[in-house]
Amino acid sequence: AERHNLRTEIMSSSEAEAGGFKEVALA
């Protein structure tokens, strides 16, 4: 998105204990 001048927004997320996400929603 950054490369193409698009904007991103984290809509919702569930972080995982070991890192990353169980699930994440990006706009």
mmCIF file of all heavy atoms, coordinates in Angstrom:
data_MODEL
# 
_entry.id   MODEL 
# 
loop_
_atom_site.group_PDB 
_atom_site.id 
_atom_site.type_symbol 
_atom_site.label_atom_id 
_atom_site.label_alt_id 
_atom_site.label_comp_id 
_atom_site.label_asym_id 
_atom_site.label_entity_id 
_atom_site.label_seq_id 
_atom_site.pdbx_PDB_ins_code 
_atom_site.Cartn_x 
_atom_site.Cartn_y 
_atom_site.Cartn_z 
_atom_site.occupancy 
_atom_site.B_iso_or_equiv 
_atom_site.pdbx_formal_charge 
_atom_site.auth_seq_id 
_atom_site.auth_comp_id 
_atom_site.auth_asym_id 
_atom_site.auth_atom_id 
_atom_site.pdbx_PDB_model_num 
ATOM 1   N N   . ALA A 1 1  ? 0.837   -1.210  0.000  1.00 0.00 ? 1  ALA A N   1 
ATOM 2   C CA  . ALA A 1 1  ? 0.000   0.000   0.000  1.00 0.00 ? 1  ALA A CA  1 
ATOM 3   C C   . ALA A 1 1  ? 0.869   1.257   0.000  1.00 0.00 ? 1  ALA A C   1 
ATOM 4   O O   . ALA A 1 1  ? 0.603   2.217   -0.740 1.00 0.00 ? 1  ALA A O   1 
ATOM 5   C CB  . ALA A 1 1  ? -0.933  -0.015  1.205  1.00 0.00 ? 1  ALA A CB  1 
ATOM 6   N N   . GLU A 1 2  ? 1.914   1.261   0.808  1.00 0.00 ? 2  GLU A N   1 
ATOM 7   C CA  . GLU A 1 2  ? 2.818   2.422   0.870  1.00 0.00 ? 2  GLU A CA  1 
ATOM 8   C C   . GLU A 1 2  ? 3.446   2.694   -0.493 1.00 0.00 ? 2  GLU A C   1 
ATOM 9   O O   . GLU A 1 2  ? 3.556   3.848   -0.914 1.00 0.00 ? 2  GLU A O   1 
ATOM 10  C CB  . GLU A 1 2  ? 3.922   2.174   1.902  1.00 0.00 ? 2  GLU A CB  1 
ATOM 11  C CG  . GLU A 1 2  ? 3.448   2.231   3.351  1.00 0.00 ? 2  GLU A CG  1 
ATOM 12  C CD  . GLU A 1 2  ? 4.549   1.817   4.309  1.00 0.00 ? 2  GLU A CD  1 
ATOM 13  O OE1 . GLU A 1 2  ? 5.727   1.755   3.882  1.00 0.00 ? 2  GLU A OE1 1 
ATOM 14  O OE2 . GLU A 1 2  ? 4.243   1.542   5.490  1.00 0.00 ? 2  GLU A OE2 1 
ATOM 15  N N   . ARG A 1 3  ? 3.840   1.630   -1.196 1.00 0.00 ? 3  ARG A N   1 
ATOM 16  C CA  . ARG A 1 3  ? 4.481   1.778   -2.500 1.00 0.00 ? 3  ARG A CA  1 
ATOM 17  C C   . ARG A 1 3  ? 3.543   2.441   -3.515 1.00 0.00 ? 3  ARG A C   1 
ATOM 18  O O   . ARG A 1 3  ? 4.001   3.070   -4.470 1.00 0.00 ? 3  ARG A O   1 
ATOM 19  C CB  . ARG A 1 3  ? 4.914   0.412   -3.047 1.00 0.00 ? 3  ARG A CB  1 
ATOM 20  C CG  . ARG A 1 3  ? 6.127   -0.202  -2.352 1.00 0.00 ? 3  ARG A CG  1 
ATOM 21  C CD  . ARG A 1 3  ? 6.312   -1.645  -2.803 1.00 0.00 ? 3  ARG A CD  1 
ATOM 22  N NE  . ARG A 1 3  ? 7.487   -2.260  -2.182 1.00 0.00 ? 3  ARG A NE  1 
ATOM 23  C CZ  . ARG A 1 3  ? 8.668   -2.388  -2.768 1.00 0.00 ? 3  ARG A CZ  1 
ATOM 24  N NH1 . ARG A 1 3  ? 8.837   -1.928  -3.996 1.00 0.00 ? 3  ARG A NH1 1 
ATOM 25  N NH2 . ARG A 1 3  ? 9.684   -2.964  -2.145 1.00 0.00 ? 3  ARG A NH2 1 
ATOM 26  N N   . HIS A 1 4  ? 2.230   2.270   -3.305 1.00 0.00 ? 4  HIS A N   1 
ATOM 27  C CA  . HIS A 1 4  ? 1.259   2.785   -4.271 1.00 0.00 ? 4  HIS A CA  1 
ATOM 28  C C   . HIS A 1 4  ? 0.427   3.939   -3.712 1.00 0.00 ? 4  HIS A C   1 
ATOM 29  O O   . HIS A 1 4  ? -0.649  4.240   -4.228 1.00 0.00 ? 4  HIS A O   1 
ATOM 30  C CB  . HIS A 1 4  ? 0.355   1.647   -4.739 1.00 0.00 ? 4  HIS A CB  1 
ATOM 31  C CG  . HIS A 1 4  ? 1.083   0.635   -5.573 1.00 0.00 ? 4  HIS A CG  1 
ATOM 32  N ND1 . HIS A 1 4  ? 1.296   0.792   -6.916 1.00 0.00 ? 4  HIS A ND1 1 
ATOM 33  C CD2 . HIS A 1 4  ? 1.700   -0.536  -5.231 1.00 0.00 ? 4  HIS A CD2 1 
ATOM 34  C CE1 . HIS A 1 4  ? 1.985   -0.233  -7.390 1.00 0.00 ? 4  HIS A CE1 1 
ATOM 35  N NE2 . HIS A 1 4  ? 2.239   -1.050  -6.382 1.00 0.00 ? 4  HIS A NE2 1 
ATOM 36  N N   . ASN A 1 5  ? 0.949   4.573   -2.672 1.00 0.00 ? 5  ASN A N   1 
ATOM 37  C CA  . ASN A 1 5  ? 0.292   5.737   -2.059 1.00 0.00 ? 5  ASN A CA  1 
ATOM 38  C C   . ASN A 1 5  ? -1.137  5.434   -1.621 1.00 0.00 ? 5  ASN A C   1 
ATOM 39  O O   . ASN A 1 5  ? -2.034  6.282   -1.733 1.00 0.00 ? 5  ASN A O   1 
ATOM 40  C CB  . ASN A 1 5  ? 0.304   6.926   -3.037 1.00 0.00 ? 5  ASN A CB  1 
ATOM 41  C CG  . ASN A 1 5  ? 1.701   7.394   -3.355 1.00 0.00 ? 5  ASN A CG  1 
ATOM 42  O OD1 . ASN A 1 5  ? 2.536   7.532   -2.457 1.00 0.00 ? 5  ASN A OD1 1 
ATOM 43  N ND2 . ASN A 1 5  ? 1.987   7.609   -4.623 1.00 0.00 ? 5  ASN A ND2 1 
ATOM 44  N N   . LEU A 1 6  ? -1.340  4.202   -1.152 1.00 0.00 ? 6  LEU A N   1 
ATOM 45  C CA  . LEU A 1 6  ? -2.621  3.818   -0.568 1.00 0.00 ? 6  LEU A CA  1 
ATOM 46  C C   . LEU A 1 6  ? -2.481  3.885   0.946  1.00 0.00 ? 6  LEU A C   1 
ATOM 47  O O   . LEU A 1 6  ? -1.404  3.645   1.496  1.00 0.00 ? 6  LEU A O   1 
ATOM 48  C CB  . LEU A 1 6  ? -2.998  2.390   -0.993 1.00 0.00 ? 6  LEU A CB  1 
ATOM 49  C CG  . LEU A 1 6  ? -3.108  2.139   -2.501 1.00 0.00 ? 6  LEU A CG  1 
ATOM 50  C CD1 . LEU A 1 6  ? -3.265  0.647   -2.779 1.00 0.00 ? 6  LEU A CD1 1 
ATOM 51  C CD2 . LEU A 1 6  ? -4.273  2.913   -3.093 1.00 0.00 ? 6  LEU A CD2 1 
ATOM 52  N N   . ARG A 1 7  ? -3.552  4.213   1.628  1.00 0.00 ? 7  ARG A N   1 
ATOM 53  C CA  . ARG A 1 7  ? -3.524  4.333   3.079  1.00 0.00 ? 7  ARG A CA  1 
ATOM 54  C C   . ARG A 1 7  ? -4.024  3.044   3.729  1.00 0.00 ? 7  ARG A C   1 
ATOM 55  O O   . ARG A 1 7  ? -4.956  2.422   3.222  1.00 0.00 ? 7  ARG A O   1 
ATOM 56  C CB  . ARG A 1 7  ? -4.387  5.516   3.539  1.00 0.00 ? 7  ARG A CB  1 
ATOM 57  C CG  . ARG A 1 7  ? -3.999  6.825   2.915  1.00 0.00 ? 7  ARG A CG  1 
ATOM 58  C CD  . ARG A 1 7  ? -4.866  7.987   3.410  1.00 0.00 ? 7  ARG A CD  1 
ATOM 59  N NE  . ARG A 1 7  ? -6.294  7.736   3.261  1.00 0.00 ? 7  ARG A NE  1 
ATOM 60  C CZ  . ARG A 1 7  ? -6.945  7.854   2.116  1.00 0.00 ? 7  ARG A CZ  1 
ATOM 61  N NH1 . ARG A 1 7  ? -6.303  8.197   1.012  1.00 0.00 ? 7  ARG A NH1 1 
ATOM 62  N NH2 . ARG A 1 7  ? -8.248  7.635   2.060  1.00 0.00 ? 7  ARG A NH2 1 
ATOM 63  N N   . THR A 1 8  ? -3.412  2.671   4.841  1.00 0.00 ? 8  THR A N   1 
ATOM 64  C CA  . THR A 1 8  ? -3.859  1.475   5.551  1.00 0.00 ? 8  THR A CA  1 
ATOM 65  C C   . THR A 1 8  ? -4.304  1.835   6.963  1.00 0.00 ? 8  THR A C   1 
ATOM 66  O O   . THR A 1 8  ? -3.838  2.820   7.551  1.00 0.00 ? 8  THR A O   1 
ATOM 67  C CB  . THR A 1 8  ? -2.751  0.409   5.645  1.00 0.00 ? 8  THR A CB  1 
ATOM 68  O OG1 . THR A 1 8  ? -1.618  0.962   6.320  1.00 0.00 ? 8  THR A OG1 1 
ATOM 69  C CG2 . THR A 1 8  ? -2.344  -0.092  4.275  1.00 0.00 ? 8  THR A CG2 1 
ATOM 70  N N   . GLU A 1 9  ? -5.204  1.018   7.470  1.00 0.00 ? 9  GLU A N   1 
ATOM 71  C CA  . GLU A 1 9  ? -5.758  1.230   8.808  1.00 0.00 ? 9  GLU A CA  1 
ATOM 72  C C   . GLU A 1 9  ? -6.068  -0.147  9.394  1.00 0.00 ? 9  GLU A C   1 
ATOM 73  O O   . GLU A 1 9  ? -6.706  -0.968  8.730  1.00 0.00 ? 9  GLU A O   1 
ATOM 74  C CB  . GLU A 1 9  ? -7.034  2.067   8.680  1.00 0.00 ? 9  GLU A CB  1 
ATOM 75  C CG  . GLU A 1 9  ? -7.860  2.186   9.942  1.00 0.00 ? 9  GLU A CG  1 
ATOM 76  C CD  . GLU A 1 9  ? -9.233  2.804   9.669  1.00 0.00 ? 9  GLU A CD  1 
ATOM 77  O OE1 . GLU A 1 9  ? -9.602  2.981   8.491  1.00 0.00 ? 9  GLU A OE1 1 
ATOM 78  O OE2 . GLU A 1 9  ? -9.933  3.079   10.659 1.00 0.00 ? 9  GLU A OE2 1 
ATOM 79  N N   . ILE A 1 10 ? -5.585  -0.405  10.600 1.00 0.00 ? 10 ILE A N   1 
ATOM 80  C CA  . ILE A 1 10 ? -5.936  -1.665  11.258 1.00 0.00 ? 10 ILE A CA  1 
ATOM 81  C C   . ILE A 1 10 ? -7.343  -1.532  11.811 1.00 0.00 ? 10 ILE A C   1 
ATOM 82  O O   . ILE A 1 10 ? -7.613  -0.695  12.660 1.00 0.00 ? 10 ILE A O   1 
ATOM 83  C CB  . ILE A 1 10 ? -4.929  -2.029  12.365 1.00 0.00 ? 10 ILE A CB  1 
ATOM 84  C CG1 . ILE A 1 10 ? -3.565  -2.362  11.754 1.00 0.00 ? 10 ILE A CG1 1 
ATOM 85  C CG2 . ILE A 1 10 ? -5.440  -3.226  13.172 1.00 0.00 ? 10 ILE A CG2 1 
ATOM 86  C CD1 . ILE A 1 10 ? -2.514  -2.806  12.749 1.00 0.00 ? 10 ILE A CD1 1 
ATOM 87  N N   . MET A 1 11 ? -8.232  -2.382  11.308 1.00 0.00 ? 11 MET A N   1 
ATOM 88  C CA  . MET A 1 11 ? -9.633  -2.329  11.717 1.00 0.00 ? 11 MET A CA  1 
ATOM 89  C C   . MET A 1 11 ? -9.861  -3.112  13.011 1.00 0.00 ? 11 MET A C   1 
ATOM 90  O O   . MET A 1 11 ? -10.571 -2.667  13.913 1.00 0.00 ? 11 MET A O   1 
ATOM 91  C CB  . MET A 1 11 ? -10.517 -2.923  10.617 1.00 0.00 ? 11 MET A CB  1 
ATOM 92  C CG  . MET A 1 11 ? -10.378 -2.228  9.283  1.00 0.00 ? 11 MET A CG  1 
ATOM 93  S SD  . MET A 1 11 ? -11.177 -0.630  9.300  1.00 0.00 ? 11 MET A SD  1 
ATOM 94  C CE  . MET A 1 11 ? -12.885 -1.125  9.308  1.00 0.00 ? 11 MET A CE  1 
ATOM 95  N N   . SER A 1 12 ? -9.269  -4.299  13.080 1.00 0.00 ? 12 SER A N   1 
ATOM 96  C CA  . SER A 1 12 ? -9.370  -5.127  14.282 1.00 0.00 ? 12 SER A CA  1 
ATOM 97  C C   . SER A 1 12 ? -8.211  -6.102  14.266 1.00 0.00 ? 12 SER A C   1 
ATOM 98  O O   . SER A 1 12 ? -7.661  -6.414  13.203 1.00 0.00 ? 12 SER A O   1 
ATOM 99  C CB  . SER A 1 12 ? -10.705 -5.888  14.329 1.00 0.00 ? 12 SER A CB  1 
ATOM 100 O OG  . SER A 1 12 ? -10.752 -6.880  13.331 1.00 0.00 ? 12 SER A OG  1 
ATOM 101 N N   . SER A 1 13 ? -7.820  -6.580  15.438 1.00 0.00 ? 13 SER A N   1 
ATOM 102 C CA  . SER A 1 13 ? -6.713  -7.529  15.494 1.00 0.00 ? 13 SER A CA  1 
ATOM 103 C C   . SER A 1 13 ? -6.790  -8.351  16.773 1.00 0.00 ? 13 SER A C   1 
ATOM 104 O O   . SER A 1 13 ? -7.327  -7.907  17.784 1.00 0.00 ? 13 SER A O   1 
ATOM 105 C CB  . SER A 1 13 ? -5.361  -6.792  15.425 1.00 0.00 ? 13 SER A CB  1 
ATOM 106 O OG  . SER A 1 13 ? -5.195  -5.956  16.564 1.00 0.00 ? 13 SER A OG  1 
ATOM 107 N N   . SER A 1 14 ? -6.262  -9.547  16.683 1.00 0.00 ? 14 SER A N   1 
ATOM 108 C CA  . SER A 1 14 ? -6.106  -10.421 17.841 1.00 0.00 ? 14 SER A CA  1 
ATOM 109 C C   . SER A 1 14 ? -4.673  -10.925 17.808 1.00 0.00 ? 14 SER A C   1 
ATOM 110 O O   . SER A 1 14 ? -4.327  -11.804 17.012 1.00 0.00 ? 14 SER A O   1 
ATOM 111 C CB  . SER A 1 14 ? -7.100  -11.593 17.769 1.00 0.00 ? 14 SER A CB  1 
ATOM 112 O OG  . SER A 1 14 ? -6.886  -12.489 18.843 1.00 0.00 ? 14 SER A OG  1 
ATOM 113 N N   . GLU A 1 15 ? -3.831  -10.301 18.644 1.00 0.00 ? 15 GLU A N   1 
ATOM 114 C CA  . GLU A 1 15 ? -2.408  -10.639 18.626 1.00 0.00 ? 15 GLU A CA  1 
ATOM 115 C C   . GLU A 1 15 ? -2.171  -12.019 19.242 1.00 0.00 ? 15 GLU A C   1 
ATOM 116 O O   . GLU A 1 15 ? -2.883  -12.439 20.145 1.00 0.00 ? 15 GLU A O   1 
ATOM 117 C CB  . GLU A 1 15 ? -1.611  -9.578  19.386 1.00 0.00 ? 15 GLU A CB  1 
ATOM 118 C CG  . GLU A 1 15 ? -1.662  -8.206  18.729 1.00 0.00 ? 15 GLU A CG  1 
ATOM 119 C CD  . GLU A 1 15 ? -0.828  -7.175  19.471 1.00 0.00 ? 15 GLU A CD  1 
ATOM 120 O OE1 . GLU A 1 15 ? -0.091  -7.576  20.403 1.00 0.00 ? 15 GLU A OE1 1 
ATOM 121 O OE2 . GLU A 1 15 ? -0.916  -5.988  19.143 1.00 0.00 ? 15 GLU A OE2 1 
ATOM 122 N N   . ALA A 1 16 ? -1.162  -12.697 18.707 1.00 0.00 ? 16 ALA A N   1 
ATOM 123 C CA  . ALA A 1 16 ? -0.793  -14.022 19.223 1.00 0.00 ? 16 ALA A CA  1 
ATOM 124 C C   . ALA A 1 16 ? 0.364   -13.879 20.206 1.00 0.00 ? 16 ALA A C   1 
ATOM 125 O O   . ALA A 1 16 ? 1.213   -12.989 20.056 1.00 0.00 ? 16 ALA A O   1 
ATOM 126 C CB  . ALA A 1 16 ? -0.404  -14.941 18.072 1.00 0.00 ? 16 ALA A CB  1 
ATOM 127 N N   . GLU A 1 17 ? 0.426   -14.737 21.192 1.00 0.00 ? 17 GLU A N   1 
ATOM 128 C CA  . GLU A 1 17 ? 1.470   -14.645 22.230 1.00 0.00 ? 17 GLU A CA  1 
ATOM 129 C C   . GLU A 1 17 ? 2.867   -14.794 21.651 1.00 0.00 ? 17 GLU A C   1 
ATOM 130 O O   . GLU A 1 17 ? 3.808   -14.130 22.081 1.00 0.00 ? 17 GLU A O   1 
ATOM 131 C CB  . GLU A 1 17 ? 1.228   -15.718 23.294 1.00 0.00 ? 17 GLU A CB  1 
ATOM 132 C CG  . GLU A 1 17 ? 0.020   -15.438 24.177 1.00 0.00 ? 17 GLU A CG  1 
ATOM 133 C CD  . GLU A 1 17 ? -0.078  -16.441 25.329 1.00 0.00 ? 17 GLU A CD  1 
ATOM 134 O OE1 . GLU A 1 17 ? 0.900   -16.582 26.079 1.00 0.00 ? 17 GLU A OE1 1 
ATOM 135 O OE2 . GLU A 1 17 ? -1.140  -17.077 25.455 1.00 0.00 ? 17 GLU A OE2 1 
ATOM 136 N N   . ALA A 1 18 ? 3.025   -15.660 20.647 1.00 0.00 ? 18 ALA A N   1 
ATOM 137 C CA  . ALA A 1 18 ? 4.355   -15.912 20.077 1.00 0.00 ? 18 ALA A CA  1 
ATOM 138 C C   . ALA A 1 18 ? 4.723   -14.896 19.002 1.00 0.00 ? 18 ALA A C   1 
ATOM 139 O O   . ALA A 1 18 ? 5.822   -14.923 18.453 1.00 0.00 ? 18 ALA A O   1 
ATOM 140 C CB  . ALA A 1 18 ? 4.410   -17.323 19.494 1.00 0.00 ? 18 ALA A CB  1 
ATOM 141 N N   . GLY A 1 19 ? 3.818   -13.950 18.726 1.00 0.00 ? 19 GLY A N   1 
ATOM 142 C CA  . GLY A 1 19 ? 4.061   -12.948 17.688 1.00 0.00 ? 19 GLY A CA  1 
ATOM 143 C C   . GLY A 1 19 ? 3.067   -13.104 16.555 1.00 0.00 ? 19 GLY A C   1 
ATOM 144 O O   . GLY A 1 19 ? 2.428   -14.141 16.394 1.00 0.00 ? 19 GLY A O   1 
ATOM 145 N N   . GLY A 1 20 ? 2.919   -12.054 15.776 1.00 0.00 ? 20 GLY A N   1 
ATOM 146 C CA  . GLY A 1 20 ? 1.969   -12.097 14.680 1.00 0.00 ? 20 GLY A CA  1 
ATOM 147 C C   . GLY A 1 20 ? 0.544   -11.954 15.168 1.00 0.00 ? 20 GLY A C   1 
ATOM 148 O O   . GLY A 1 20 ? 0.283   -11.389 16.241 1.00 0.00 ? 20 GLY A O   1 
ATOM 149 N N   . PHE A 1 21 ? -0.374  -12.483 14.394 1.00 0.00 ? 21 PHE A N   1 
ATOM 150 C CA  . PHE A 1 21 ? -1.795  -12.336 14.713 1.00 0.00 ? 21 PHE A CA  1 
ATOM 151 C C   . PHE A 1 21 ? -2.545  -13.658 14.558 1.00 0.00 ? 21 PHE A C   1 
ATOM 152 O O   . PHE A 1 21 ? -2.293  -14.406 13.610 1.00 0.00 ? 21 PHE A O   1 
ATOM 153 C CB  . PHE A 1 21 ? -2.458  -11.325 13.754 1.00 0.00 ? 21 PHE A CB  1 
ATOM 154 C CG  . PHE A 1 21 ? -1.908  -9.935  13.828 1.00 0.00 ? 21 PHE A CG  1 
ATOM 155 C CD1 . PHE A 1 21 ? -0.982  -9.493  12.893 1.00 0.00 ? 21 PHE A CD1 1 
ATOM 156 C CD2 . PHE A 1 21 ? -2.321  -9.065  14.830 1.00 0.00 ? 21 PHE A CD2 1 
ATOM 157 C CE1 . PHE A 1 21 ? -0.474  -8.207  12.948 1.00 0.00 ? 21 PHE A CE1 1 
ATOM 158 C CE2 . PHE A 1 21 ? -1.824  -7.771  14.896 1.00 0.00 ? 21 PHE A CE2 1 
ATOM 159 C CZ  . PHE A 1 21 ? -0.890  -7.334  13.960 1.00 0.00 ? 21 PHE A CZ  1 
ATOM 160 N N   . LYS A 1 22 ? -3.452  -13.895 15.486 1.00 0.00 ? 22 LYS A N   1 
ATOM 161 C CA  . LYS A 1 22 ? -4.419  -14.969 15.242 1.00 0.00 ? 22 LYS A CA  1 
ATOM 162 C C   . LYS A 1 22 ? -5.307  -14.538 14.083 1.00 0.00 ? 22 LYS A C   1 
ATOM 163 O O   . LYS A 1 22 ? -5.633  -15.327 13.211 1.00 0.00 ? 22 LYS A O   1 
ATOM 164 C CB  . LYS A 1 22 ? -5.261  -15.217 16.487 1.00 0.00 ? 22 LYS A CB  1 
ATOM 165 C CG  . LYS A 1 22 ? -4.473  -15.763 17.674 1.00 0.00 ? 22 LYS A CG  1 
ATOM 166 C CD  . LYS A 1 22 ? -5.378  -15.891 18.887 1.00 0.00 ? 22 LYS A CD  1 
ATOM 167 C CE  . LYS A 1 22 ? -4.583  -16.363 20.107 1.00 0.00 ? 22 LYS A CE  1 
ATOM 168 N NZ  . LYS A 1 22 ? -5.446  -16.397 21.326 1.00 0.00 ? 22 LYS A NZ  1 
ATOM 169 N N   . GLU A 1 23 ? -5.682  -13.274 14.102 1.00 0.00 ? 23 GLU A N   1 
ATOM 170 C CA  . GLU A 1 23 ? -6.405  -12.684 12.972 1.00 0.00 ? 23 GLU A CA  1 
ATOM 171 C C   . GLU A 1 23 ? -6.251  -11.175 13.008 1.00 0.00 ? 23 GLU A C   1 
ATOM 172 O O   . GLU A 1 23 ? -6.099  -10.574 14.075 1.00 0.00 ? 23 GLU A O   1 
ATOM 173 C CB  . GLU A 1 23 ? -7.884  -13.070 12.981 1.00 0.00 ? 23 GLU A CB  1 
ATOM 174 C CG  . GLU A 1 23 ? -8.654  -12.644 14.212 1.00 0.00 ? 23 GLU A CG  1 
ATOM 175 C CD  . GLU A 1 23 ? -10.108 -13.088 14.126 1.00 0.00 ? 23 GLU A CD  1 
ATOM 176 O OE1 . GLU A 1 23 ? -10.392 -14.247 14.443 1.00 0.00 ? 23 GLU A OE1 1 
ATOM 177 O OE2 . GLU A 1 23 ? -10.948 -12.240 13.755 1.00 0.00 ? 23 GLU A OE2 1 
ATOM 178 N N   . VAL A 1 24 ? -6.278  -10.570 11.820 1.00 0.00 ? 24 VAL A N   1 
ATOM 179 C CA  . VAL A 1 24 ? -6.154  -9.123  11.720 1.00 0.00 ? 24 VAL A CA  1 
ATOM 180 C C   . VAL A 1 24 ? -6.924  -8.663  10.493 1.00 0.00 ? 24 VAL A C   1 
ATOM 181 O O   . VAL A 1 24 ? -6.940  -9.354  9.464  1.00 0.00 ? 24 VAL A O   1 
ATOM 182 C CB  . VAL A 1 24 ? -4.671  -8.684  11.638 1.00 0.00 ? 24 VAL A CB  1 
ATOM 183 C CG1 . VAL A 1 24 ? -3.960  -9.324  10.451 1.00 0.00 ? 24 VAL A CG1 1 
ATOM 184 C CG2 . VAL A 1 24 ? -4.546  -7.163  11.587 1.00 0.00 ? 24 VAL A CG2 1 
ATOM 185 N N   . ALA A 1 25 ? -7.597  -7.520  10.622 1.00 0.00 ? 25 ALA A N   1 
ATOM 186 C CA  . ALA A 1 25 ? -8.321  -6.935  9.499  1.00 0.00 ? 25 ALA A CA  1 
ATOM 187 C C   . ALA A 1 25 ? -7.716  -5.580  9.169  1.00 0.00 ? 25 ALA A C   1 
ATOM 188 O O   . ALA A 1 25 ? -7.578  -4.720  10.043 1.00 0.00 ? 25 ALA A O   1 
ATOM 189 C CB  . ALA A 1 25 ? -9.805  -6.783  9.827  1.00 0.00 ? 25 ALA A CB  1 
ATOM 190 N N   . LEU A 1 26 ? -7.326  -5.408  7.915  1.00 0.00 ? 26 LEU A N   1 
ATOM 191 C CA  . LEU A 1 26 ? -6.741  -4.153  7.443  1.00 0.00 ? 26 LEU A CA  1 
ATOM 192 C C   . LEU A 1 26 ? -7.681  -3.488  6.448  1.00 0.00 ? 26 LEU A C   1 
ATOM 193 O O   . LEU A 1 26 ? -8.241  -4.166  5.580  1.00 0.00 ? 26 LEU A O   1 
ATOM 194 C CB  . LEU A 1 26 ? -5.412  -4.405  6.721  1.00 0.00 ? 26 LEU A CB  1 
ATOM 195 C CG  . LEU A 1 26 ? -4.250  -5.036  7.462  1.00 0.00 ? 26 LEU A CG  1 
ATOM 196 C CD1 . LEU A 1 26 ? -3.134  -5.341  6.463  1.00 0.00 ? 26 LEU A CD1 1 
ATOM 197 C CD2 . LEU A 1 26 ? -3.743  -4.097  8.537  1.00 0.00 ? 26 LEU A CD2 1 
ATOM 198 N N   . ALA A 1 27 ? -7.838  -2.188  6.560  1.00 0.00 ? 27 ALA A N   1 
ATOM 199 C CA  . ALA A 1 27 ? -8.528  -1.431  5.517  1.00 0.00 ? 27 ALA A CA  1 
ATOM 200 C C   . ALA A 1 27 ? -7.446  -0.772  4.660  1.00 0.00 ? 27 ALA A C   1 
ATOM 201 O O   . ALA A 1 27 ? -6.492  -0.208  5.183  1.00 0.00 ? 27 ALA A O   1 
ATOM 202 C CB  . ALA A 1 27 ? -9.433  -0.370  6.129  1.00 0.00 ? 27 ALA A CB  1 
# 
